[in-house]
Amino acid sequence: MTEYDDLSKSKTQIKKEMHELQRLGEQLTELSKARLAKVPMGETLREAIMTFARIKSNEARRRQMQYIGKLMRSADHQAISAVLNRFKERDQRHLPFEKMAEDWRNRLLGEGTGTQGDFFNQYPDVDHQQLRQLLRDASREIKNGKPPTNQRKLFRYLRDFFSQKAQD
């Protein structure tokens, strides 16, 4: 074996690396706009990802994904992977709190003021006034058949409260 053989990559290895970069690009296409903005990448790659979201045709999506994979070759894929891993870790940390928040939100909205008392007894350090306001707004929203904007705010408030409580 020569020194040149050690440095060169096989065709199979190159294809494998290209597929990995394309999979990394696929993960980028699944991110929300807010998260995508936090990923370090060039404008050409960012625009290609935004274009992918607008494409409806399967064949056109496939071609666009190949283009994204090609652009990924020149991107700092290690930095991109690091950011995606941080997102995954954060999501994993928040998962149990999201379940608790969802359960409590449903109980608080469905069972009424007795459940509020139970919640306040169990979690005395919660901001009572803010929680009551969120509950009033969410209940009014349900009663009037409006989109669940305040229900989402209530959920986020509870999730963040449980998450913060676990860190204390």
N, C-alpha and C. Protein backbone atom coordinates (compact mmCIF):
# COMPACT_ATOMS: atom_id res chain seq x y z
N MET A 1 0.83 -1.19 0.00
CA MET A 1 0.00 0.00 0.00
C MET A 1 0.88 1.25 0.00
N THR A 2 0.52 2.19 -0.79
CA THR A 2 1.30 3.41 -0.88
C THR A 2 0.70 4.48 0.01
N GLU A 3 1.46 5.54 0.20
CA GLU A 3 1.00 6.66 1.00
C GLU A 3 -0.22 7.32 0.36
N TYR A 4 -0.27 7.30 -0.98
CA TYR A 4 -1.38 7.90 -1.72
C TYR A 4 -2.69 7.16 -1.44
N ASP A 5 -2.64 5.84 -1.30
CA ASP A 5 -3.84 5.04 -1.04
C ASP A 5 -4.46 5.39 0.31
N ASP A 6 -3.62 5.70 1.30
CA ASP A 6 -4.14 6.06 2.62
C ASP A 6 -4.89 7.39 2.59
N LEU A 7 -4.45 8.31 1.74
CA LEU A 7 -5.05 9.64 1.71
C LEU A 7 -6.31 9.71 0.86
N SER A 8 -6.40 8.89 -0.17
CA SER A 8 -7.56 8.96 -1.06
C SER A 8 -8.73 8.17 -0.47
N LYS A 9 -9.92 8.58 -0.84
CA LYS A 9 -11.13 7.91 -0.36
C LYS A 9 -11.70 7.09 -1.50
N SER A 10 -12.35 6.03 -1.11
CA SER A 10 -12.99 5.20 -2.12
C SER A 10 -14.26 5.89 -2.59
N LYS A 11 -14.72 5.47 -3.74
CA LYS A 11 -15.96 6.02 -4.29
C LYS A 11 -17.12 5.76 -3.33
N THR A 12 -17.13 4.59 -2.72
CA THR A 12 -18.17 4.23 -1.77
C THR A 12 -18.14 5.15 -0.55
N GLN A 13 -16.94 5.43 -0.05
CA GLN A 13 -16.80 6.31 1.10
C GLN A 13 -17.29 7.73 0.77
N ILE A 14 -16.95 8.20 -0.41
CA ILE A 14 -17.39 9.54 -0.83
C ILE A 14 -18.91 9.59 -0.92
N LYS A 15 -19.53 8.55 -1.51
CA LYS A 15 -21.00 8.52 -1.62
C LYS A 15 -21.64 8.47 -0.24
N LYS A 16 -21.04 7.69 0.66
CA LYS A 16 -21.58 7.59 2.02
C LYS A 16 -21.56 8.96 2.70
N GLU A 17 -20.46 9.69 2.55
CA GLU A 17 -20.36 11.02 3.14
C GLU A 17 -21.37 11.98 2.52
N MET A 18 -21.60 11.88 1.22
CA MET A 18 -22.58 12.74 0.55
C MET A 18 -24.00 12.46 1.06
N HIS A 19 -24.31 11.17 1.27
CA HIS A 19 -25.63 10.82 1.80
C HIS A 19 -25.80 11.33 3.24
N GLU A 20 -24.73 11.28 4.02
CA GLU A 20 -24.80 11.81 5.39
C GLU A 20 -25.05 13.32 5.37
N LEU A 21 -24.39 14.01 4.46
CA LEU A 21 -24.60 15.46 4.35
C LEU A 21 -26.02 15.76 3.90
N GLN A 22 -26.55 14.93 3.01
CA GLN A 22 -27.93 15.14 2.55
C GLN A 22 -28.90 14.89 3.71
N ARG A 23 -28.63 13.88 4.54
CA ARG A 23 -29.49 13.63 5.71
C ARG A 23 -29.43 14.80 6.69
N LEU A 24 -28.25 15.37 6.84
CA LEU A 24 -28.11 16.55 7.69
C LEU A 24 -28.93 17.70 7.12
N GLY A 25 -28.89 17.85 5.79
CA GLY A 25 -29.71 18.87 5.12
C GLY A 25 -31.19 18.62 5.33
N GLU A 26 -31.60 17.34 5.31
CA GLU A 26 -33.01 16.99 5.57
C GLU A 26 -33.43 17.44 6.95
N GLN A 27 -32.56 17.25 7.92
CA GLN A 27 -32.88 17.69 9.28
C GLN A 27 -33.08 19.20 9.32
N LEU A 28 -32.30 19.92 8.54
CA LEU A 28 -32.44 21.38 8.49
C LEU A 28 -33.79 21.77 7.90
N THR A 29 -34.28 21.01 6.92
CA THR A 29 -35.57 21.36 6.29
C THR A 29 -36.74 21.14 7.24
N GLU A 30 -36.53 20.37 8.30
CA GLU A 30 -37.60 20.08 9.25
C GLU A 30 -37.66 21.08 10.40
N LEU A 31 -36.70 21.99 10.46
CA LEU A 31 -36.66 22.97 11.55
C LEU A 31 -37.66 24.10 11.31
N SER A 32 -38.10 24.71 12.42
CA SER A 32 -38.92 25.91 12.31
C SER A 32 -38.04 27.06 11.85
N LYS A 33 -38.67 28.13 11.39
CA LYS A 33 -37.91 29.30 10.94
C LYS A 33 -37.07 29.88 12.07
N ALA A 34 -37.62 29.89 13.28
CA ALA A 34 -36.89 30.45 14.42
C ALA A 34 -35.63 29.64 14.71
N ARG A 35 -35.75 28.32 14.69
CA ARG A 35 -34.58 27.49 14.95
C ARG A 35 -33.60 27.56 13.79
N LEU A 36 -34.12 27.59 12.57
CA LEU A 36 -33.25 27.66 11.39
C LEU A 36 -32.38 28.91 11.43
N ALA A 37 -32.94 30.00 11.96
CA ALA A 37 -32.19 31.25 12.04
C ALA A 37 -30.98 31.13 12.98
N LYS A 38 -31.02 30.17 13.91
CA LYS A 38 -29.92 29.99 14.86
C LYS A 38 -28.81 29.09 14.34
N VAL A 39 -29.03 28.49 13.18
CA VAL A 39 -28.04 27.57 12.62
C VAL A 39 -27.03 28.34 11.78
N PRO A 40 -25.73 28.12 12.03
CA PRO A 40 -24.71 28.84 11.25
C PRO A 40 -24.56 28.24 9.84
N MET A 41 -24.98 28.99 8.84
CA MET A 41 -24.87 28.52 7.45
C MET A 41 -24.87 29.72 6.52
N GLY A 42 -24.45 29.47 5.30
CA GLY A 42 -24.42 30.52 4.30
C GLY A 42 -25.81 30.85 3.79
N GLU A 43 -25.94 32.01 3.19
CA GLU A 43 -27.24 32.47 2.67
C GLU A 43 -27.75 31.58 1.55
N THR A 44 -26.86 31.05 0.71
CA THR A 44 -27.29 30.19 -0.39
C THR A 44 -27.96 28.94 0.14
N LEU A 45 -27.36 28.33 1.15
CA LEU A 45 -27.95 27.13 1.77
C LEU A 45 -29.26 27.47 2.47
N ARG A 46 -29.28 28.59 3.17
CA ARG A 46 -30.51 29.00 3.88
C ARG A 46 -31.66 29.21 2.87
N GLU A 47 -31.35 29.86 1.76
CA GLU A 47 -32.37 30.11 0.73
C GLU A 47 -32.84 28.80 0.10
N ALA A 48 -31.91 27.86 -0.11
CA ALA A 48 -32.29 26.56 -0.67
C ALA A 48 -33.22 25.81 0.26
N ILE A 49 -33.00 25.92 1.55
CA ILE A 49 -33.87 25.27 2.54
C ILE A 49 -35.24 25.93 2.56
N MET A 50 -35.27 27.25 2.47
CA MET A 50 -36.55 27.97 2.45
C MET A 50 -37.33 27.62 1.17
N THR A 51 -36.62 27.48 0.06
CA THR A 51 -37.26 27.11 -1.20
C THR A 51 -37.84 25.70 -1.10
N PHE A 52 -37.12 24.80 -0.45
CA PHE A 52 -37.59 23.42 -0.28
C PHE A 52 -38.96 23.40 0.40
N ALA A 53 -39.16 24.26 1.38
CA ALA A 53 -40.42 24.30 2.12
C ALA A 53 -41.59 24.71 1.23
N ARG A 54 -41.32 25.47 0.17
CA ARG A 54 -42.39 25.94 -0.71
C ARG A 54 -42.72 24.96 -1.83
N ILE A 55 -41.85 23.99 -2.07
CA ILE A 55 -42.03 23.06 -3.19
C ILE A 55 -43.03 21.97 -2.82
N LYS A 56 -43.95 21.68 -3.73
CA LYS A 56 -44.99 20.68 -3.47
C LYS A 56 -44.72 19.36 -4.22
N SER A 57 -44.17 19.42 -5.40
CA SER A 57 -43.93 18.25 -6.24
C SER A 57 -42.86 17.34 -5.63
N ASN A 58 -43.14 16.05 -5.55
CA ASN A 58 -42.18 15.11 -4.96
C ASN A 58 -40.86 15.10 -5.72
N GLU A 59 -40.91 15.08 -7.03
CA GLU A 59 -39.70 15.03 -7.83
C GLU A 59 -38.89 16.32 -7.65
N ALA A 60 -39.57 17.44 -7.62
CA ALA A 60 -38.88 18.71 -7.42
C ALA A 60 -38.27 18.77 -6.02
N ARG A 61 -38.95 18.23 -5.02
CA ARG A 61 -38.42 18.18 -3.66
C ARG A 61 -37.16 17.30 -3.61
N ARG A 62 -37.19 16.18 -4.34
CA ARG A 62 -36.04 15.29 -4.38
C ARG A 62 -34.83 16.01 -4.97
N ARG A 63 -35.05 16.70 -6.09
CA ARG A 63 -33.95 17.44 -6.73
C ARG A 63 -33.44 18.56 -5.81
N GLN A 64 -34.34 19.25 -5.17
CA GLN A 64 -33.94 20.33 -4.26
C GLN A 64 -33.13 19.76 -3.09
N MET A 65 -33.53 18.58 -2.61
CA MET A 65 -32.81 17.96 -1.51
C MET A 65 -31.39 17.59 -1.96
N GLN A 66 -31.25 17.13 -3.20
CA GLN A 66 -29.92 16.83 -3.72
C GLN A 66 -29.08 18.12 -3.79
N TYR A 67 -29.71 19.21 -4.19
CA TYR A 67 -29.02 20.50 -4.26
C TYR A 67 -28.58 20.94 -2.85
N ILE A 68 -29.45 20.74 -1.88
CA ILE A 68 -29.10 21.07 -0.49
C ILE A 68 -27.91 20.23 -0.05
N GLY A 69 -27.93 18.94 -0.41
CA GLY A 69 -26.80 18.07 -0.08
C GLY A 69 -25.51 18.56 -0.71
N LYS A 70 -25.60 19.04 -1.92
CA LYS A 70 -24.42 19.58 -2.61
C LYS A 70 -23.91 20.84 -1.89
N LEU A 71 -24.82 21.71 -1.48
CA LEU A 71 -24.43 22.92 -0.77
C LEU A 71 -23.84 22.59 0.60
N MET A 72 -24.29 21.48 1.18
CA MET A 72 -23.79 21.08 2.49
C MET A 72 -22.30 20.73 2.44
N ARG A 73 -21.81 20.34 1.27
CA ARG A 73 -20.38 19.98 1.14
C ARG A 73 -19.48 21.15 1.52
N SER A 74 -19.91 22.35 1.15
CA SER A 74 -19.07 23.52 1.44
C SER A 74 -19.45 24.20 2.76
N ALA A 75 -20.50 23.73 3.41
CA ALA A 75 -20.93 24.31 4.69
C ALA A 75 -20.10 23.74 5.83
N ASP A 76 -20.13 24.40 6.95
CA ASP A 76 -19.46 23.91 8.15
C ASP A 76 -20.40 22.91 8.83
N HIS A 77 -20.38 21.68 8.32
CA HIS A 77 -21.36 20.69 8.79
C HIS A 77 -21.12 20.27 10.23
N GLN A 78 -19.91 20.43 10.75
CA GLN A 78 -19.68 20.11 12.16
C GLN A 78 -20.38 21.13 13.06
N ALA A 79 -20.34 22.40 12.70
CA ALA A 79 -21.03 23.43 13.49
C ALA A 79 -22.54 23.24 13.39
N ILE A 80 -23.02 22.88 12.19
CA ILE A 80 -24.45 22.65 12.00
C ILE A 80 -24.89 21.46 12.84
N SER A 81 -24.11 20.38 12.82
CA SER A 81 -24.43 19.19 13.62
C SER A 81 -24.47 19.52 15.11
N ALA A 82 -23.53 20.35 15.55
CA ALA A 82 -23.48 20.73 16.96
C ALA A 82 -24.75 21.46 17.37
N VAL A 83 -25.21 22.39 16.54
CA VAL A 83 -26.44 23.14 16.84
C VAL A 83 -27.64 22.20 16.84
N LEU A 84 -27.73 21.31 15.86
CA LEU A 84 -28.84 20.36 15.81
C LEU A 84 -28.84 19.44 17.03
N ASN A 85 -27.67 19.04 17.48
CA ASN A 85 -27.57 18.20 18.68
C ASN A 85 -28.04 18.96 19.92
N ARG A 86 -27.71 20.26 20.00
CA ARG A 86 -28.19 21.07 21.14
C ARG A 86 -29.72 21.16 21.12
N PHE A 87 -30.30 21.32 19.92
CA PHE A 87 -31.77 21.35 19.81
C PHE A 87 -32.37 20.03 20.30
N LYS A 88 -31.77 18.91 19.90
CA LYS A 88 -32.28 17.60 20.31
C LYS A 88 -32.18 17.41 21.82
N GLU A 89 -31.05 17.82 22.40
CA GLU A 89 -30.87 17.70 23.85
C GLU A 89 -31.90 18.54 24.59
N ARG A 90 -32.12 19.76 24.10
CA ARG A 90 -33.11 20.64 24.74
C ARG A 90 -34.51 20.02 24.66
N ASP A 91 -34.84 19.47 23.49
CA ASP A 91 -36.14 18.84 23.33
C ASP A 91 -36.31 17.66 24.27
N GLN A 92 -35.25 16.88 24.45
CA GLN A 92 -35.30 15.74 25.35
C GLN A 92 -35.47 16.17 26.80
N ARG A 93 -34.81 17.27 27.17
CA ARG A 93 -34.96 17.78 28.54
C ARG A 93 -36.37 18.30 28.79
N HIS A 94 -37.00 18.88 27.77
CA HIS A 94 -38.33 19.48 27.95
C HIS A 94 -39.47 18.48 27.82
N LEU A 95 -39.20 17.30 27.30
CA LEU A 95 -40.27 16.33 27.04
C LEU A 95 -41.11 16.00 28.28
N PRO A 96 -40.50 15.66 29.42
CA PRO A 96 -41.35 15.36 30.59
C PRO A 96 -42.14 16.58 31.07
N PHE A 97 -41.56 17.76 30.92
CA PHE A 97 -42.25 18.97 31.36
C PHE A 97 -43.42 19.30 30.44
N GLU A 98 -43.28 18.98 29.16
CA GLU A 98 -44.38 19.20 28.22
C GLU A 98 -45.55 18.31 28.56
N LYS A 99 -45.28 17.07 28.94
CA LYS A 99 -46.35 16.14 29.32
C LYS A 99 -47.06 16.64 30.58
N MET A 100 -46.28 17.08 31.57
CA MET A 100 -46.89 17.62 32.80
C MET A 100 -47.72 18.86 32.49
N ALA A 101 -47.17 19.74 31.65
CA ALA A 101 -47.88 20.98 31.31
C ALA A 101 -49.18 20.67 30.58
N GLU A 102 -49.14 19.73 29.66
CA GLU A 102 -50.35 19.37 28.93
C GLU A 102 -51.41 18.79 29.85
N ASP A 103 -50.99 17.88 30.74
CA ASP A 103 -51.94 17.27 31.68
C ASP A 103 -52.56 18.32 32.59
N TRP A 104 -51.74 19.20 33.16
CA TRP A 104 -52.27 20.23 34.05
C TRP A 104 -53.15 21.22 33.31
N ARG A 105 -52.75 21.60 32.11
CA ARG A 105 -53.58 22.54 31.33
C ARG A 105 -54.95 21.95 31.10
N ASN A 106 -55.00 20.69 30.69
CA ASN A 106 -56.29 20.04 30.43
C ASN A 106 -57.12 19.93 31.70
N ARG A 107 -56.48 19.61 32.81
CA ARG A 107 -57.21 19.52 34.08
C ARG A 107 -57.71 20.89 34.52
N LEU A 108 -56.85 21.89 34.44
CA LEU A 108 -57.23 23.23 34.89
C LEU A 108 -58.37 23.81 34.06
N LEU A 109 -58.34 23.55 32.76
CA LEU A 109 -59.40 24.08 31.89
C LEU A 109 -60.67 23.24 31.97
N GLY A 110 -60.52 21.96 32.22
CA GLY A 110 -61.67 21.06 32.19
C GLY A 110 -62.38 20.88 33.51
N GLU A 111 -61.64 20.98 34.62
CA GLU A 111 -62.23 20.64 35.92
C GLU A 111 -62.58 21.84 36.78
N GLY A 112 -62.14 23.01 36.42
CA GLY A 112 -62.58 24.21 37.13
C GLY A 112 -61.74 24.64 38.31
N THR A 113 -62.36 25.45 39.21
CA THR A 113 -61.64 26.13 40.28
C THR A 113 -61.11 25.20 41.35
N GLY A 114 -61.74 24.06 41.59
CA GLY A 114 -61.22 23.11 42.58
C GLY A 114 -59.84 22.62 42.20
N THR A 115 -59.64 22.41 40.93
CA THR A 115 -58.34 21.97 40.44
C THR A 115 -57.31 23.09 40.57
N GLN A 116 -57.76 24.33 40.39
CA GLN A 116 -56.84 25.46 40.58
C GLN A 116 -56.30 25.46 42.01
N GLY A 117 -57.19 25.24 42.96
CA GLY A 117 -56.77 25.18 44.37
C GLY A 117 -55.76 24.06 44.60
N ASP A 118 -56.01 22.90 44.00
CA ASP A 118 -55.06 21.78 44.11
C ASP A 118 -53.70 22.17 43.54
N PHE A 119 -53.73 22.83 42.38
CA PHE A 119 -52.49 23.24 41.73
C PHE A 119 -51.73 24.24 42.60
N PHE A 120 -52.45 25.24 43.13
CA PHE A 120 -51.80 26.26 43.96
C PHE A 120 -51.26 25.66 45.25
N ASN A 121 -51.94 24.64 45.80
CA ASN A 121 -51.43 23.97 47.01
C ASN A 121 -50.17 23.17 46.70
N GLN A 122 -50.17 22.52 45.55
CA GLN A 122 -49.02 21.70 45.17
C GLN A 122 -47.83 22.55 44.73
N TYR A 123 -48.11 23.69 44.10
CA TYR A 123 -47.05 24.57 43.59
C TYR A 123 -47.29 26.00 44.10
N PRO A 124 -47.00 26.26 45.37
CA PRO A 124 -47.30 27.58 45.94
C PRO A 124 -46.46 28.73 45.36
N ASP A 125 -45.34 28.40 44.72
CA ASP A 125 -44.48 29.46 44.21
C ASP A 125 -44.85 29.91 42.79
N VAL A 126 -45.93 29.37 42.22
CA VAL A 126 -46.39 29.80 40.90
C VAL A 126 -46.99 31.21 41.03
N ASP A 127 -46.92 31.98 39.97
CA ASP A 127 -47.50 33.32 39.95
C ASP A 127 -49.02 33.16 39.80
N HIS A 128 -49.74 33.25 40.92
CA HIS A 128 -51.19 33.01 40.94
C HIS A 128 -51.94 33.93 39.99
N GLN A 129 -51.59 35.21 40.04
CA GLN A 129 -52.31 36.18 39.23
C GLN A 129 -52.14 35.89 37.73
N GLN A 130 -50.91 35.63 37.32
CA GLN A 130 -50.67 35.38 35.90
C GLN A 130 -51.36 34.09 35.45
N LEU A 131 -51.30 33.06 36.28
CA LEU A 131 -51.94 31.79 35.92
C LEU A 131 -53.46 31.96 35.82
N ARG A 132 -54.05 32.68 36.77
CA ARG A 132 -55.51 32.90 36.71
C ARG A 132 -55.89 33.67 35.45
N GLN A 133 -55.09 34.67 35.08
CA GLN A 133 -55.38 35.45 33.87
C GLN A 133 -55.29 34.55 32.64
N LEU A 134 -54.26 33.73 32.56
CA LEU A 134 -54.12 32.82 31.43
C LEU A 134 -55.29 31.83 31.36
N LEU A 135 -55.73 31.35 32.51
CA LEU A 135 -56.87 30.43 32.56
C LEU A 135 -58.16 31.12 32.11
N ARG A 136 -58.36 32.36 32.57
CA ARG A 136 -59.56 33.12 32.15
C ARG A 136 -59.56 33.32 30.64
N ASP A 137 -58.41 33.75 30.10
CA ASP A 137 -58.32 34.00 28.65
C ASP A 137 -58.53 32.73 27.85
N ALA A 138 -57.94 31.63 28.30
CA ALA A 138 -58.08 30.35 27.59
C ALA A 138 -59.51 29.84 27.67
N SER A 139 -60.15 29.99 28.82
CA SER A 139 -61.55 29.55 28.97
C SER A 139 -62.48 30.37 28.09
N ARG A 140 -62.25 31.68 28.05
CA ARG A 140 -63.05 32.56 27.20
C ARG A 140 -62.87 32.16 25.72
N GLU A 141 -61.67 31.82 25.37
CA GLU A 141 -61.34 31.41 24.02
C GLU A 141 -62.10 30.13 23.64
N ILE A 142 -62.13 29.18 24.55
CA ILE A 142 -62.85 27.91 24.31
C ILE A 142 -64.34 28.18 24.18
N LYS A 143 -64.87 28.99 25.08
CA LYS A 143 -66.30 29.32 25.09
C LYS A 143 -66.74 29.98 23.80
N ASN A 144 -65.90 30.86 23.25
CA ASN A 144 -66.23 31.59 22.03
C ASN A 144 -65.81 30.86 20.76
N GLY A 145 -65.20 29.69 20.89
CA GLY A 145 -64.80 28.91 19.73
C GLY A 145 -63.70 29.55 18.91
N LYS A 146 -62.80 30.24 19.57
CA LYS A 146 -61.71 30.92 18.88
C LYS A 146 -60.48 30.00 18.80
N PRO A 147 -59.53 30.36 17.94
CA PRO A 147 -58.29 29.57 17.85
C PRO A 147 -57.58 29.51 19.21
N PRO A 148 -56.83 28.44 19.48
CA PRO A 148 -56.27 28.21 20.82
C PRO A 148 -55.01 29.01 21.16
N THR A 149 -54.98 30.27 20.87
CA THR A 149 -53.80 31.10 21.14
C THR A 149 -53.49 31.15 22.64
N ASN A 150 -54.47 31.45 23.45
CA ASN A 150 -54.25 31.56 24.90
C ASN A 150 -54.04 30.21 25.55
N GLN A 151 -54.61 29.16 24.96
CA GLN A 151 -54.35 27.82 25.47
C GLN A 151 -52.88 27.46 25.28
N ARG A 152 -52.32 27.89 24.14
CA ARG A 152 -50.89 27.66 23.88
C ARG A 152 -50.04 28.48 24.85
N LYS A 153 -50.46 29.72 25.12
CA LYS A 153 -49.72 30.55 26.09
C LYS A 153 -49.73 29.89 27.46
N LEU A 154 -50.88 29.35 27.85
CA LEU A 154 -51.00 28.66 29.14
C LEU A 154 -50.06 27.45 29.16
N PHE A 155 -50.07 26.68 28.09
CA PHE A 155 -49.19 25.51 27.99
C PHE A 155 -47.73 25.92 28.14
N ARG A 156 -47.30 26.94 27.40
CA ARG A 156 -45.89 27.39 27.46
C ARG A 156 -45.54 27.89 28.87
N TYR A 157 -46.48 28.60 29.49
CA TYR A 157 -46.24 29.10 30.83
C TYR A 157 -46.03 27.93 31.80
N LEU A 158 -46.90 26.94 31.73
CA LEU A 158 -46.79 25.77 32.62
C LEU A 158 -45.51 24.98 32.32
N ARG A 159 -45.20 24.78 31.05
CA ARG A 159 -43.98 24.04 30.68
C ARG A 159 -42.74 24.75 31.22
N ASP A 160 -42.68 26.05 31.02
CA ASP A 160 -41.53 26.82 31.49
C ASP A 160 -41.46 26.82 33.01
N PHE A 161 -42.62 26.89 33.67
CA PHE A 161 -42.66 26.85 35.13
C PHE A 161 -42.10 25.52 35.64
N PHE A 162 -42.56 24.40 35.08
CA PHE A 162 -42.08 23.08 35.51
C PHE A 162 -40.60 22.90 35.20
N SER A 163 -40.17 23.39 34.07
CA SER A 163 -38.77 23.29 33.68
C SER A 163 -37.90 24.09 34.65
N GLN A 164 -38.33 25.31 34.96
CA GLN A 164 -37.58 26.17 35.87
C GLN A 164 -37.56 25.56 37.28
N LYS A 165 -38.68 25.00 37.69
CA LYS A 165 -38.77 24.38 39.01
C LYS A 165 -37.80 23.21 39.14
N ALA A 166 -37.63 22.45 38.06
CA ALA A 166 -36.72 21.31 38.08
C ALA A 166 -35.26 21.76 38.17
N GLN A 167 -34.96 22.96 37.64
CA GLN A 167 -33.59 23.47 37.68
C GLN A 167 -33.25 24.05 39.05
N ASP A 168 -34.26 24.47 39.78
CA ASP A 168 -34.01 25.08 41.12
C ASP A 168 -33.59 24.06 42.15
